[in-house]
Amino acid sequence: MTFSKRFGAKSLLRAIALIGFGTILLCVYVLSSQLTRTFSKMEPNCSLTDLNDVLFTVKTGKRNHQRRLSVILKTWYKDIAKDQIFFVTDEKDSEYQNKTGNRLVYSSCGKTHERDDLCCKTGVEFDLFLASNKKWWCHLDDDNYVNVDRLVEILNHNLWNDTVYVARRSVPFHKHWKKGKYWFGTGGAGYCITRPLAIKMAPFCGNGTFVEACHLIMNSDDCTIGFIITNLLKLTISESMSLHSHIEKLKLLNVSDILEAGTLSFAYKNTLELPPSKMTFPYRMDPTRFLSLHCWLHPSQEMCNTLAEGRPLPLSEKTGNRLVNTTCGSTHAKNDLCCKTGVEFDLFLFSSKKWWCHVDDDNYVNVNRLVEILNHHLWSDTVYVGRRSRPFFLHPTEGKYIFGTGGAGYCITRPLANKMAPISGNGQFVHACHKALNNDDCTVGFIITNLLNIRMSESSSLHSHIENLKDLTVTEILNAGTLSYSRRQKNNLPPSNMTFSNKKDPSRLLSVHCWLHPHLRMCKTLAEV
């Protein structure tokens, strides 16, 4: 009896164990079947983000095209397909329209940094995304660098088919006077939004209504994005500490932080601190530090190969591709000089600028002072600003004329250039030199003061090497619009902690620059010696 009882108890325990195990297997089977049915309805890897799924938009302005867009075009722009990016700007620019492969979007927004103008541009960016077929929109400013592969990694921490807002806060929260708290990612670090989220946002800020949304919350464009998402739609930020803006102290980022960043930025006196290496450009060539960073990340690129091999960068690269090969001769003879000046003149005619200032390669330009001099005149008038080196010239058949010596520089307004164009434009300048029987600067003066009968507006603040430059006082030097030098003619700056030695600065122009701009890195280094 005792045995049978024991046997029965064991059998019961075994039965219960088998039933429990069977139940677990059944649950696993049902769950796996449900998952199989769910994923069978989905595309393979449909929630993963590929680089081609992202639309980048960069908010910029005409005044920053040369200074900032040129850096983007040399760096991370090369890592993406051209149909993935738009540059939203405030003024037409044929040069950068061409350089960006027709991805420069003229927004017709204002040119200021005021709220309405910024919101206007961001609204254009948002509508561009809605009109695209991309899964993610990433907004950036023109002072951002994007580590493209790393940013895609960050986006892949989220599902593109969900309502996701990837950003980084610069303050804990904002408070609307009526609607209460909201959170936003600072635009200076960049932010990214999925298509499902953008579709939910569209009734509030799509189809040209973004400026109205900014008015509603009485704040800037990035705050408006955050307000719509976190307050009106009651969604949260997916915060990433790998997005960096110039609001941070960027010098405190270590190399690991920098190389792991999805976005970076820069500002005056707030740039990345990259340790010296064969992949680090000097500051004068790379004030943003983005060229150096790009070479750290992509050492095989051409500009980085040049740097790594210790070869000097081509002059065209150093000048931001502003070096123009004229095919003119290389001598100092009349024809070759006139040929080059003719190219300069035609470049001005083809530009949208109001003034043309010709200078030689031995000139120093105090830019702010020169603009002051030009502002003594109306750009809309026919004005020729120069400095004579002799009272006048006498043409054998046409009579007297006056000219500003090219060695001191001279400036001409657009209306005057338009009047000169039939005589010297479109490649005709060499022919005009033959008619004037003189050099390029004399020819300019001959056309203006003789043929067009327009007076020269003389400025004694323009200086050439024809003068005795050693006689200039410090005040005259610092108030000059232009200066020059030659082997025997140089300005005399008194010794100070802003004056380089003659050996380091034979032209004396480095020293002049440091007297005018003592905050520059090379000048601070000099001052600390």
Foldseek 3Di string as FASTA:
>chain_A
DVVVVVVVVVVVVVVVVVVVVVVVVVVVVVVVVVVVVVCVVPDVVQQADDLVQEAEEEEDEPVCCLPQVLLVLVFCLVVHDLVRYAYEYADDDVVVCVSSVNRYHHQVADRDPDQLRQLSSVQVQLQVVLPDNHFKYKYAYSQKDFPSVLVSVVPRVGGSPDWAKEAAFPDPWDAAPPQGIWTFHDRQLIMMTGPVNSVVCCVPRHDRCRSVLCVVRVDHNRNSVGCCVCGVVVHDHPYDPLGEGLVDQQCPDDPVSLLNHRMYGADVVREYDDDDDLLFDDCVQPVNRRSSSRCVVVVPDDVNVCSNVVHDDPPCSSVSNPDDDQPADDDPDQLSQLSVVQVQLQVVLPDPDFKRKQADPQKDFPPVLLVVVVVVDDSVDWAKEAAFPDDWDAQPPQGIWTFHDRQLIMMTGPVNSVVCCVCRHDRNRSVLCVVSVHHNRNSVRCCVCGVVVHDHDYDPLGEGQVDQQCPDDPVSLLNHRMYGHDQRHEYDDDDDLLFDDCVVPVRRSSSSVCVVPVPDPVNVVSNVD
